[in-house]
Amino acid sequence: MRGAVLAGGAASRYGGRPKGLLEVGGRRILDRVVDSVAAAVGAPPLLIANAPDAATWCPGLRCVPDVRPGAGSLGGIYTAVCAGSGPVLCVAWDMPFVSEALLRTLVAESAACDAFLPESGGRRGVEPLCAVYGPACRPAIEQALDRGDLRAIAFHDAVRTGTLSLERVRAFGDPETLFFNINRPEDLERAEALWRRRG
């Protein structure tokens, strides 16, 4: 099992500032995510990023740009799948509250699936930016990209997809908090408030 932290996107809703380099609770969000992913897979993750200075963000990590630029989150997942053999745990770099215990469970229970995702209360019903993807996802994602479907779940019908139930996700915390991501300045303020409440 490999790990990958997805640091793509232009952060257009955040004025172009790299979201993962912002701090929550006095620590960069990126560092929190890297540590959680590394603990879950037992090795430093890849950093999937396109920014010119991305290699300086975490000098100890291998930094890989998108194989197919401009394809959004799906392009980041595709790059992570292509960057090595075997399955890969992918986590977005702007999720300050993602749980190491949740990630370990995703890794442990993903073997029978090509894509294994936690259920969430969001509009998609699952969280594709905190999930495990196997090698069989590569051709399925390629087909989605070729037809211009950039949804992060666009390829799920073409692979064996499994989910960690919402009930089980809740054992690790409130899904809304676990998968909370930073897109706007007000999100950062809310994240700080959540951090203080969590102690």
N, C-alpha and C. Protein backbone atom coordinates (compact mmCIF):
# COMPACT_ATOMS: atom_id res chain seq x y z
N MET A 1 0.85 -1.20 0.00
CA MET A 1 0.00 0.00 0.00
C MET A 1 0.88 1.24 0.00
N ARG A 2 0.60 2.14 -0.94
CA ARG A 2 1.31 3.41 -1.01
C ARG A 2 0.38 4.51 -0.51
N GLY A 3 0.94 5.67 -0.26
CA GLY A 3 0.15 6.83 0.12
C GLY A 3 0.42 7.98 -0.83
N ALA A 4 -0.57 8.83 -1.01
CA ALA A 4 -0.42 10.02 -1.84
C ALA A 4 -1.25 11.15 -1.25
N VAL A 5 -0.63 12.31 -1.15
CA VAL A 5 -1.33 13.51 -0.71
C VAL A 5 -1.59 14.36 -1.94
N LEU A 6 -2.85 14.64 -2.20
CA LEU A 6 -3.25 15.36 -3.41
C LEU A 6 -3.27 16.86 -3.14
N ALA A 7 -2.31 17.55 -3.74
CA ALA A 7 -2.15 18.99 -3.50
C ALA A 7 -2.37 19.77 -4.78
N GLY A 8 -3.30 19.31 -5.59
CA GLY A 8 -3.57 20.00 -6.84
C GLY A 8 -4.52 21.17 -6.65
N GLY A 9 -4.95 21.71 -7.76
CA GLY A 9 -5.91 22.82 -7.73
C GLY A 9 -5.22 24.16 -7.68
N ALA A 10 -5.91 25.15 -8.22
CA ALA A 10 -5.33 26.50 -8.29
C ALA A 10 -5.69 27.34 -7.08
N ALA A 11 -6.48 26.79 -6.16
CA ALA A 11 -6.92 27.53 -4.97
C ALA A 11 -7.56 28.86 -5.35
N SER A 12 -8.33 28.83 -6.44
CA SER A 12 -8.92 30.06 -6.96
C SER A 12 -9.86 30.70 -5.96
N ARG A 13 -10.52 29.86 -5.13
CA ARG A 13 -11.43 30.41 -4.13
C ARG A 13 -10.68 30.92 -2.92
N TYR A 14 -9.36 30.67 -2.88
CA TYR A 14 -8.56 31.16 -1.78
C TYR A 14 -7.52 32.15 -2.28
N GLY A 15 -7.84 32.84 -3.37
CA GLY A 15 -6.97 33.87 -3.89
C GLY A 15 -5.65 33.35 -4.42
N GLY A 16 -5.59 32.07 -4.77
CA GLY A 16 -4.38 31.50 -5.30
C GLY A 16 -3.38 31.04 -4.26
N ARG A 17 -3.66 31.25 -2.99
CA ARG A 17 -2.75 30.82 -1.93
C ARG A 17 -2.83 29.30 -1.77
N PRO A 18 -1.69 28.62 -1.63
CA PRO A 18 -1.71 27.17 -1.44
C PRO A 18 -2.40 26.79 -0.13
N LYS A 19 -3.55 26.17 -0.24
CA LYS A 19 -4.38 25.93 0.93
C LYS A 19 -3.69 25.07 1.98
N GLY A 20 -3.00 24.03 1.55
CA GLY A 20 -2.40 23.11 2.49
C GLY A 20 -1.27 23.69 3.30
N LEU A 21 -0.76 24.85 2.87
CA LEU A 21 0.33 25.49 3.61
C LEU A 21 -0.19 26.40 4.71
N LEU A 22 -1.51 26.57 4.76
CA LEU A 22 -2.12 27.34 5.84
C LEU A 22 -2.05 26.53 7.14
N GLU A 23 -2.13 27.21 8.25
CA GLU A 23 -2.04 26.54 9.55
C GLU A 23 -3.39 26.45 10.24
N VAL A 24 -3.61 25.31 10.86
CA VAL A 24 -4.75 25.10 11.76
C VAL A 24 -4.17 24.57 13.05
N GLY A 25 -4.52 25.19 14.15
CA GLY A 25 -3.97 24.76 15.43
C GLY A 25 -2.46 24.93 15.50
N GLY A 26 -1.93 25.93 14.79
CA GLY A 26 -0.50 26.22 14.85
C GLY A 26 0.38 25.31 14.02
N ARG A 27 -0.22 24.51 13.12
CA ARG A 27 0.57 23.60 12.29
C ARG A 27 0.00 23.56 10.88
N ARG A 28 0.88 23.44 9.88
CA ARG A 28 0.40 23.41 8.50
C ARG A 28 -0.53 22.21 8.28
N ILE A 29 -1.60 22.46 7.54
CA ILE A 29 -2.54 21.38 7.23
C ILE A 29 -1.81 20.27 6.48
N LEU A 30 -0.95 20.63 5.55
CA LEU A 30 -0.20 19.64 4.78
C LEU A 30 0.57 18.69 5.70
N ASP A 31 1.24 19.23 6.69
CA ASP A 31 2.03 18.38 7.59
C ASP A 31 1.14 17.42 8.37
N ARG A 32 -0.04 17.89 8.75
CA ARG A 32 -0.97 17.02 9.48
C ARG A 32 -1.40 15.85 8.58
N VAL A 33 -1.74 16.16 7.33
CA VAL A 33 -2.21 15.12 6.40
C VAL A 33 -1.07 14.15 6.08
N VAL A 34 0.11 14.68 5.81
CA VAL A 34 1.27 13.82 5.50
C VAL A 34 1.52 12.84 6.64
N ASP A 35 1.50 13.31 7.87
CA ASP A 35 1.76 12.44 9.01
C ASP A 35 0.70 11.35 9.14
N SER A 36 -0.57 11.71 8.93
CA SER A 36 -1.64 10.72 9.05
C SER A 36 -1.55 9.65 7.96
N VAL A 37 -1.27 10.08 6.73
CA VAL A 37 -1.15 9.12 5.63
C VAL A 37 0.07 8.23 5.84
N ALA A 38 1.20 8.81 6.23
CA ALA A 38 2.41 8.03 6.45
C ALA A 38 2.20 6.98 7.54
N ALA A 39 1.50 7.35 8.60
CA ALA A 39 1.24 6.41 9.68
C ALA A 39 0.33 5.27 9.22
N ALA A 40 -0.61 5.59 8.33
CA ALA A 40 -1.57 4.58 7.87
C ALA A 40 -0.94 3.56 6.92
N VAL A 41 0.01 4.01 6.09
CA VAL A 41 0.61 3.09 5.10
C VAL A 41 2.01 2.62 5.49
N GLY A 42 2.59 3.25 6.51
CA GLY A 42 3.90 2.83 6.97
C GLY A 42 5.07 3.33 6.15
N ALA A 43 4.85 4.40 5.39
CA ALA A 43 5.92 4.97 4.56
C ALA A 43 5.55 6.39 4.17
N PRO A 44 6.53 7.24 3.86
CA PRO A 44 6.20 8.60 3.43
C PRO A 44 5.36 8.57 2.15
N PRO A 45 4.35 9.43 2.07
CA PRO A 45 3.51 9.45 0.87
C PRO A 45 4.15 10.26 -0.25
N LEU A 46 3.62 10.05 -1.44
CA LEU A 46 3.92 10.94 -2.56
C LEU A 46 3.19 12.26 -2.34
N LEU A 47 3.73 13.32 -2.92
CA LEU A 47 3.02 14.59 -2.96
C LEU A 47 2.66 14.86 -4.40
N ILE A 48 1.37 14.85 -4.72
CA ILE A 48 0.92 15.11 -6.08
C ILE A 48 0.61 16.60 -6.17
N ALA A 49 1.44 17.35 -6.89
CA ALA A 49 1.30 18.80 -6.92
C ALA A 49 1.88 19.37 -8.20
N ASN A 50 1.29 20.47 -8.66
CA ASN A 50 1.73 21.10 -9.90
C ASN A 50 2.41 22.45 -9.71
N ALA A 51 2.36 23.00 -8.51
CA ALA A 51 2.96 24.31 -8.27
C ALA A 51 4.46 24.26 -8.52
N PRO A 52 5.04 25.32 -9.11
CA PRO A 52 6.47 25.32 -9.41
C PRO A 52 7.36 25.07 -8.20
N ASP A 53 6.92 25.53 -7.03
CA ASP A 53 7.74 25.38 -5.82
C ASP A 53 7.29 24.23 -4.93
N ALA A 54 6.46 23.34 -5.46
CA ALA A 54 5.88 22.27 -4.63
C ALA A 54 6.94 21.38 -4.00
N ALA A 55 8.04 21.15 -4.68
CA ALA A 55 9.09 20.27 -4.16
C ALA A 55 9.71 20.82 -2.88
N THR A 56 9.54 22.12 -2.62
CA THR A 56 10.12 22.73 -1.41
C THR A 56 9.17 22.64 -0.22
N TRP A 57 7.93 22.25 -0.44
CA TRP A 57 6.96 22.23 0.64
C TRP A 57 7.29 21.18 1.69
N CYS A 58 7.66 19.99 1.24
CA CYS A 58 8.07 18.89 2.12
C CYS A 58 9.27 18.23 1.46
N PRO A 59 10.46 18.75 1.67
CA PRO A 59 11.64 18.27 0.95
C PRO A 59 11.89 16.77 1.05
N GLY A 60 11.39 16.13 2.09
CA GLY A 60 11.61 14.70 2.24
C GLY A 60 10.69 13.83 1.41
N LEU A 61 9.72 14.43 0.73
CA LEU A 61 8.76 13.66 -0.06
C LEU A 61 9.07 13.73 -1.55
N ARG A 62 8.75 12.66 -2.26
CA ARG A 62 8.83 12.68 -3.71
C ARG A 62 7.62 13.45 -4.23
N CYS A 63 7.88 14.45 -5.05
CA CYS A 63 6.83 15.31 -5.58
C CYS A 63 6.60 14.97 -7.05
N VAL A 64 5.34 14.74 -7.42
CA VAL A 64 4.99 14.32 -8.78
C VAL A 64 3.91 15.24 -9.34
N PRO A 65 4.13 15.84 -10.51
CA PRO A 65 3.07 16.67 -11.11
C PRO A 65 2.03 15.80 -11.81
N ASP A 66 0.88 16.37 -12.07
CA ASP A 66 -0.19 15.63 -12.74
C ASP A 66 0.25 15.09 -14.08
N VAL A 67 -0.09 13.82 -14.32
CA VAL A 67 0.18 13.19 -15.62
C VAL A 67 -0.64 13.86 -16.71
N ARG A 68 -1.88 14.20 -16.36
CA ARG A 68 -2.77 14.88 -17.30
C ARG A 68 -3.25 16.16 -16.65
N PRO A 69 -2.51 17.25 -16.82
CA PRO A 69 -2.85 18.52 -16.15
C PRO A 69 -4.24 19.01 -16.54
N GLY A 70 -4.84 19.75 -15.64
CA GLY A 70 -6.13 20.36 -15.92
C GLY A 70 -7.31 19.43 -15.73
N ALA A 71 -7.08 18.27 -15.12
CA ALA A 71 -8.17 17.30 -14.95
C ALA A 71 -8.72 17.30 -13.53
N GLY A 72 -8.39 18.31 -12.74
CA GLY A 72 -8.96 18.44 -11.41
C GLY A 72 -8.58 17.32 -10.47
N SER A 73 -9.47 17.05 -9.51
CA SER A 73 -9.21 16.02 -8.51
C SER A 73 -9.04 14.64 -9.15
N LEU A 74 -9.81 14.37 -10.19
CA LEU A 74 -9.69 13.08 -10.86
C LEU A 74 -8.30 12.91 -11.45
N GLY A 75 -7.74 13.99 -11.97
CA GLY A 75 -6.38 13.94 -12.49
C GLY A 75 -5.37 13.65 -11.41
N GLY A 76 -5.60 14.16 -10.21
CA GLY A 76 -4.71 13.87 -9.09
C GLY A 76 -4.77 12.41 -8.68
N ILE A 77 -5.99 11.87 -8.63
CA ILE A 77 -6.15 10.45 -8.31
C ILE A 77 -5.47 9.60 -9.37
N TYR A 78 -5.67 9.96 -10.62
CA TYR A 78 -5.06 9.22 -11.73
C TYR A 78 -3.54 9.22 -11.62
N THR A 79 -2.97 10.38 -11.32
CA THR A 79 -1.52 10.48 -11.19
C THR A 79 -1.01 9.61 -10.06
N ALA A 80 -1.72 9.60 -8.94
CA ALA A 80 -1.32 8.76 -7.81
C ALA A 80 -1.35 7.29 -8.18
N VAL A 81 -2.39 6.87 -8.90
CA VAL A 81 -2.49 5.47 -9.32
C VAL A 81 -1.35 5.11 -10.27
N CYS A 82 -1.01 6.03 -11.18
CA CYS A 82 0.01 5.77 -12.19
C CYS A 82 1.43 5.81 -11.63
N ALA A 83 1.61 6.42 -10.47
CA ALA A 83 2.96 6.71 -9.96
C ALA A 83 3.66 5.51 -9.32
N GLY A 84 3.00 4.37 -9.27
CA GLY A 84 3.63 3.19 -8.70
C GLY A 84 2.74 1.98 -8.89
N SER A 85 3.19 0.84 -8.38
CA SER A 85 2.38 -0.37 -8.50
C SER A 85 1.59 -0.59 -7.22
N GLY A 86 0.55 -1.35 -7.33
CA GLY A 86 -0.26 -1.65 -6.16
C GLY A 86 -1.22 -0.52 -5.82
N PRO A 87 -2.04 -0.73 -4.80
CA PRO A 87 -3.04 0.27 -4.43
C PRO A 87 -2.41 1.47 -3.75
N VAL A 88 -3.17 2.58 -3.74
CA VAL A 88 -2.68 3.83 -3.15
C VAL A 88 -3.79 4.50 -2.34
N LEU A 89 -3.45 4.91 -1.14
CA LEU A 89 -4.35 5.69 -0.31
C LEU A 89 -4.18 7.16 -0.69
N CYS A 90 -5.23 7.78 -1.17
CA CYS A 90 -5.19 9.18 -1.60
C CYS A 90 -5.97 10.05 -0.62
N VAL A 91 -5.35 11.13 -0.18
CA VAL A 91 -6.02 12.07 0.73
C VAL A 91 -5.72 13.50 0.27
N ALA A 92 -6.75 14.32 0.21
CA ALA A 92 -6.58 15.72 -0.16
C ALA A 92 -5.78 16.45 0.91
N TRP A 93 -5.00 17.41 0.48
CA TRP A 93 -4.07 18.09 1.39
C TRP A 93 -4.71 19.18 2.24
N ASP A 94 -6.01 19.41 2.06
CA ASP A 94 -6.66 20.49 2.80
C ASP A 94 -7.70 19.97 3.79
N MET A 95 -7.48 18.75 4.29
CA MET A 95 -8.38 18.13 5.29
C MET A 95 -7.66 18.07 6.64
N PRO A 96 -7.75 19.10 7.46
CA PRO A 96 -6.97 19.14 8.70
C PRO A 96 -7.40 18.13 9.75
N PHE A 97 -8.60 17.56 9.64
CA PHE A 97 -9.11 16.70 10.70
C PHE A 97 -9.21 15.23 10.30
N VAL A 98 -8.65 14.87 9.15
CA VAL A 98 -8.72 13.47 8.73
C VAL A 98 -8.01 12.61 9.78
N SER A 99 -8.62 11.48 10.11
CA SER A 99 -8.17 10.66 11.23
C SER A 99 -7.24 9.54 10.78
N GLU A 100 -6.12 9.42 11.47
CA GLU A 100 -5.20 8.31 11.18
C GLU A 100 -5.89 6.97 11.35
N ALA A 101 -6.72 6.85 12.37
CA ALA A 101 -7.43 5.59 12.62
C ALA A 101 -8.38 5.26 11.47
N LEU A 102 -9.06 6.27 10.94
CA LEU A 102 -9.93 6.05 9.79
C LEU A 102 -9.12 5.59 8.59
N LEU A 103 -7.99 6.24 8.34
CA LEU A 103 -7.15 5.88 7.19
C LEU A 103 -6.64 4.45 7.33
N ARG A 104 -6.25 4.06 8.54
CA ARG A 104 -5.78 2.69 8.76
C ARG A 104 -6.89 1.69 8.42
N THR A 105 -8.11 2.02 8.79
CA THR A 105 -9.23 1.13 8.52
C THR A 105 -9.50 1.02 7.02
N LEU A 106 -9.43 2.13 6.31
CA LEU A 106 -9.60 2.10 4.85
C LEU A 106 -8.55 1.20 4.21
N VAL A 107 -7.31 1.33 4.65
CA VAL A 107 -6.23 0.51 4.12
C VAL A 107 -6.49 -0.97 4.42
N ALA A 108 -6.87 -1.26 5.66
CA ALA A 108 -7.02 -2.64 6.10
C ALA A 108 -8.17 -3.36 5.41
N GLU A 109 -9.20 -2.62 5.00
CA GLU A 109 -10.40 -3.28 4.48
C GLU A 109 -10.59 -3.11 2.97
N SER A 110 -9.58 -2.61 2.30
CA SER A 110 -9.73 -2.28 0.88
C SER A 110 -9.36 -3.41 -0.07
N ALA A 111 -8.85 -4.53 0.43
CA ALA A 111 -8.23 -5.54 -0.42
C ALA A 111 -9.16 -6.11 -1.49
N ALA A 112 -10.44 -6.23 -1.19
CA ALA A 112 -11.35 -6.88 -2.14
C ALA A 112 -11.92 -5.91 -3.18
N CYS A 113 -11.48 -4.65 -3.13
CA CYS A 113 -12.06 -3.63 -4.01
C CYS A 113 -10.98 -2.94 -4.84
N ASP A 114 -11.40 -2.39 -5.97
CA ASP A 114 -10.51 -1.55 -6.78
C ASP A 114 -10.55 -0.11 -6.27
N ALA A 115 -11.70 0.30 -5.79
CA ALA A 115 -11.86 1.62 -5.18
C ALA A 115 -12.62 1.43 -3.87
N PHE A 116 -12.06 1.93 -2.78
CA PHE A 116 -12.69 1.76 -1.47
C PHE A 116 -12.76 3.11 -0.80
N LEU A 117 -13.99 3.57 -0.54
CA LEU A 117 -14.22 4.93 -0.08
C LEU A 117 -15.05 4.95 1.19
N PRO A 118 -14.86 5.93 2.04
CA PRO A 118 -15.75 6.10 3.18
C PRO A 118 -17.04 6.79 2.75
N GLU A 119 -18.15 6.35 3.30
CA GLU A 119 -19.39 7.08 3.06
C GLU A 119 -19.36 8.40 3.82
N SER A 120 -20.09 9.38 3.29
CA SER A 120 -20.13 10.69 3.94
C SER A 120 -21.54 11.24 3.83
N GLY A 121 -21.76 12.33 4.52
CA GLY A 121 -23.06 12.97 4.45
C GLY A 121 -23.14 14.00 3.33
N GLY A 122 -22.11 14.06 2.49
CA GLY A 122 -22.06 15.05 1.42
C GLY A 122 -22.93 14.69 0.24
N ARG A 123 -22.89 15.55 -0.76
CA ARG A 123 -23.78 15.40 -1.93
C ARG A 123 -23.50 14.12 -2.72
N ARG A 124 -22.26 13.64 -2.70
CA ARG A 124 -21.92 12.44 -3.46
C ARG A 124 -22.19 11.16 -2.68
N GLY A 125 -22.34 11.29 -1.37
CA GLY A 125 -22.57 10.12 -0.54
C GLY A 125 -21.31 9.39 -0.13
N VAL A 126 -20.19 9.70 -0.78
CA VAL A 126 -18.89 9.12 -0.45
C VAL A 126 -17.86 10.24 -0.51
N GLU A 127 -16.68 9.98 0.04
CA GLU A 127 -15.60 10.97 0.01
C GLU A 127 -14.45 10.44 -0.86
N PRO A 128 -14.43 10.82 -2.14
CA PRO A 128 -13.40 10.28 -3.05
C PRO A 128 -12.01 10.83 -2.82
N LEU A 129 -11.87 11.90 -2.04
CA LEU A 129 -10.55 12.45 -1.77
C LEU A 129 -9.98 11.97 -0.44
N CYS A 130 -10.50 10.84 0.02
CA CYS A 130 -9.96 10.15 1.20
C CYS A 130 -10.30 8.69 0.98
N ALA A 131 -9.55 8.03 0.09
CA ALA A 131 -9.96 6.71 -0.38
C ALA A 131 -8.76 5.93 -0.90
N VAL A 132 -8.97 4.62 -1.07
CA VAL A 132 -7.94 3.74 -1.61
C VAL A 132 -8.31 3.36 -3.05
N TYR A 133 -7.32 3.45 -3.94
CA TYR A 133 -7.54 3.12 -5.35
C TYR A 133 -6.49 2.11 -5.82
N GLY A 134 -6.95 1.06 -6.48
CA GLY A 134 -6.07 0.01 -6.97
C GLY A 134 -5.70 0.20 -8.43
N PRO A 135 -4.80 -0.64 -8.95
CA PRO A 135 -4.31 -0.51 -10.33
C PRO A 135 -5.41 -0.58 -11.39
N ALA A 136 -6.49 -1.33 -11.11
CA ALA A 136 -7.57 -1.45 -12.10
C ALA A 136 -8.27 -0.13 -12.35
N CYS A 137 -8.07 0.85 -11.46
CA CYS A 137 -8.69 2.16 -11.66
C CYS A 137 -8.04 2.92 -12.81
N ARG A 138 -6.80 2.58 -13.13
CA ARG A 138 -6.08 3.36 -14.14
C ARG A 138 -6.80 3.40 -15.48
N PRO A 139 -7.10 2.24 -16.12
CA PRO A 139 -7.81 2.31 -17.40
C PRO A 139 -9.21 2.91 -17.27
N ALA A 140 -9.86 2.67 -16.16
CA ALA A 140 -11.21 3.21 -15.96
C ALA A 140 -11.17 4.73 -15.87
N ILE A 141 -10.17 5.27 -15.17
CA ILE A 141 -10.05 6.72 -15.08
C ILE A 141 -9.65 7.30 -16.44
N GLU A 142 -8.77 6.62 -17.16
CA GLU A 142 -8.38 7.09 -18.49
C GLU A 142 -9.60 7.25 -19.39
N GLN A 143 -10.51 6.28 -19.33
CA GLN A 143 -11.71 6.35 -20.15
C GLN A 143 -12.57 7.56 -19.76
N ALA A 144 -12.68 7.79 -18.44
CA ALA A 144 -13.46 8.94 -17.97
C ALA A 144 -12.82 10.25 -18.45
N LEU A 145 -11.51 10.34 -18.33
CA LEU A 145 -10.82 11.56 -18.76
C LEU A 145 -10.98 11.76 -20.27
N ASP A 146 -10.89 10.67 -21.03
CA ASP A 146 -10.99 10.77 -22.49
C ASP A 146 -12.37 11.26 -22.93
N ARG A 147 -13.39 10.93 -22.14
CA ARG A 147 -14.73 11.39 -22.52
C ARG A 147 -15.07 12.73 -21.85
N GLY A 148 -14.10 13.30 -21.14
CA GLY A 148 -14.28 14.63 -20.56
C GLY A 148 -15.08 14.66 -19.28
N ASP A 149 -15.25 13.50 -18.64
CA ASP A 149 -15.99 13.43 -17.39
C ASP A 149 -14.97 13.54 -16.24
N LEU A 150 -14.89 14.71 -15.62
CA LEU A 150 -13.87 14.96 -14.61
C LEU A 150 -14.38 14.78 -13.18
N ARG A 151 -15.57 14.23 -13.02
CA ARG A 151 -16.06 13.97 -11.67
C ARG A 151 -15.14 12.96 -10.98
N ALA A 152 -14.87 13.18 -9.72
CA ALA A 152 -13.97 12.28 -8.99
C ALA A 152 -14.53 10.87 -8.87
N ILE A 153 -15.84 10.72 -9.08
CA ILE A 153 -16.46 9.39 -9.01
C ILE A 153 -16.85 8.88 -10.40
N ALA A 154 -16.34 9.50 -11.45
CA ALA A 154 -16.79 9.21 -12.82
C ALA A 154 -16.54 7.77 -13.25
N PHE A 155 -15.57 7.11 -12.67
CA PHE A 155 -15.15 5.78 -13.12
C PHE A 155 -15.65 4.65 -12.24
N HIS A 156 -16.41 4.97 -11.20
CA HIS A 156 -16.77 3.95 -10.21
C HIS A 156 -17.57 2.80 -10.78
N ASP A 157 -18.39 3.05 -11.77
CA ASP A 157 -19.20 1.97 -12.34
C ASP A 157 -18.36 0.96 -13.10
N ALA A 158 -17.12 1.33 -13.45
CA ALA A 158 -16.27 0.46 -14.26
C ALA A 158 -15.30 -0.39 -13.43
N VAL A 159 -15.33 -0.23 -12.11
CA VAL A 159 -14.43 -1.00 -11.23
C VAL A 159 -15.21 -1.55 -10.04
N ARG A 160 -14.56 -2.44 -9.30
CA ARG A 160 -15.18 -2.98 -8.09
C ARG A 160 -15.06 -1.91 -7.00
N THR A 161 -16.19 -1.32 -6.66
CA THR A 161 -16.20 -0.23 -5.69
C THR A 161 -16.85 -0.68 -4.39
N GLY A 162 -16.18 -0.38 -3.29
CA GLY A 162 -16.72 -0.71 -1.98
C GLY A 162 -16.70 0.53 -1.09
N THR A 163 -17.48 0.47 -0.02
CA THR A 163 -17.54 1.62 0.89
C THR A 163 -17.43 1.18 2.34
N LEU A 164 -16.88 2.08 3.13
CA LEU A 164 -16.93 1.96 4.58
C LEU A 164 -18.19 2.69 5.01
N SER A 165 -19.09 1.99 5.67
CA SER A 165 -20.41 2.55 5.95
C SER A 165 -20.33 3.82 6.78
N LEU A 166 -21.33 4.66 6.62
CA LEU A 166 -21.38 5.91 7.38
C LEU A 166 -21.40 5.63 8.88
N GLU A 167 -22.08 4.57 9.27
CA GLU A 167 -22.12 4.21 10.69
C GLU A 167 -20.71 3.93 11.21
N ARG A 168 -19.91 3.23 10.42
CA ARG A 168 -18.54 2.92 10.84
C ARG A 168 -17.65 4.15 10.78
N VAL A 169 -17.86 5.00 9.79
CA VAL A 169 -17.10 6.25 9.72
C VAL A 169 -17.33 7.06 10.98
N ARG A 170 -18.57 7.09 11.45
CA ARG A 170 -18.91 7.88 12.64
C ARG A 170 -18.18 7.40 13.89
N ALA A 171 -17.69 6.18 13.86
CA ALA A 171 -16.92 5.68 15.01
C ALA A 171 -15.61 6.44 15.16
N PHE A 172 -15.18 7.11 14.09
CA PHE A 172 -13.92 7.86 14.11
C PHE A 172 -14.15 9.36 14.30
N GLY A 173 -15.42 9.77 14.31
CA GLY A 173 -15.74 11.18 14.48
C GLY A 173 -16.88 11.60 13.59
N ASP A 174 -17.26 12.84 13.70
CA ASP A 174 -18.31 13.41 12.86
C ASP A 174 -17.80 13.49 11.42
N PRO A 175 -18.45 12.82 10.46
CA PRO A 175 -17.97 12.86 9.08
C PRO A 175 -17.80 14.29 8.54
N GLU A 176 -18.67 15.19 8.98
CA GLU A 176 -18.56 16.56 8.51
C GLU A 176 -17.24 17.20 8.95
N THR A 177 -16.76 16.79 10.11
CA THR A 177 -15.48 17.28 10.59
C THR A 177 -14.32 16.50 9.98
N LEU A 178 -14.42 15.18 9.95
CA LEU A 178 -13.35 14.35 9.39
C LEU A 178 -12.98 14.77 7.98
N PHE A 179 -14.00 15.07 7.17
CA PHE A 179 -13.76 15.38 5.76
C PHE A 179 -13.84 16.88 5.47
N PHE A 180 -13.82 17.69 6.53
CA PHE A 180 -13.88 19.14 6.35
C PHE A 180 -12.65 19.59 5.56
N ASN A 181 -12.88 20.39 4.53
CA ASN A 181 -11.75 20.88 3.75
C ASN A 181 -11.79 22.39 3.63
N ILE A 182 -10.61 22.96 3.42
CA ILE A 182 -10.44 24.41 3.40
C ILE A 182 -10.50 24.92 1.96
N ASN A 183 -11.52 25.71 1.66
CA ASN A 183 -11.63 26.30 0.34
C ASN A 183 -11.60 27.83 0.37
N ARG A 184 -12.14 28.39 1.44
CA ARG A 184 -12.29 29.85 1.54
C ARG A 184 -11.76 30.32 2.89
N PRO A 185 -11.45 31.62 3.00
CA PRO A 185 -10.98 32.13 4.29
C PRO A 185 -11.91 31.81 5.45
N GLU A 186 -13.23 31.85 5.20
CA GLU A 186 -14.16 31.54 6.29
C GLU A 186 -14.06 30.08 6.73
N ASP A 187 -13.62 29.20 5.81
CA ASP A 187 -13.42 27.80 6.18
C ASP A 187 -12.26 27.67 7.16
N LEU A 188 -11.22 28.46 6.93
CA LEU A 188 -10.08 28.42 7.84
C LEU A 188 -10.49 28.89 9.24
N GLU A 189 -11.31 29.93 9.29
CA GLU A 189 -11.79 30.41 10.58
C GLU A 189 -12.62 29.33 11.28
N ARG A 190 -13.45 28.65 10.51
CA ARG A 190 -14.27 27.59 11.10
C ARG A 190 -13.40 26.43 11.57
N ALA A 191 -12.35 26.11 10.79
CA ALA A 191 -11.44 25.03 11.17
C ALA A 191 -10.74 25.36 12.48
N GLU A 192 -10.32 26.60 12.64
CA GLU A 192 -9.67 27.00 13.89
C GLU A 192 -10.64 26.86 15.06
N ALA A 193 -11.89 27.24 14.85
CA ALA A 193 -12.90 27.11 15.91
C ALA A 193 -13.13 25.64 16.25
N LEU A 194 -13.19 24.79 15.22
CA LEU A 194 -13.35 23.36 15.46
C LEU A 194 -12.16 22.81 16.23
N TRP A 195 -10.96 23.26 15.86
CA TRP A 195 -9.75 22.78 16.52
C TRP A 195 -9.77 23.14 18.00
N ARG A 196 -10.18 24.36 18.32
CA ARG A 196 -10.23 24.77 19.72
C ARG A 196 -11.24 23.96 20.50
N ARG A 197 -12.39 23.67 19.86
CA ARG A 197 -13.43 22.88 20.55
C ARG A 197 -12.97 21.45 20.81
N ARG A 198 -12.15 20.93 19.90
CA ARG A 198 -11.65 19.56 20.05
C ARG A 198 -10.54 19.47 21.10
N GLY A 199 -10.03 20.65 21.53
CA GLY A 199 -9.00 20.67 22.55
C GLY A 199 -7.63 20.35 22.02
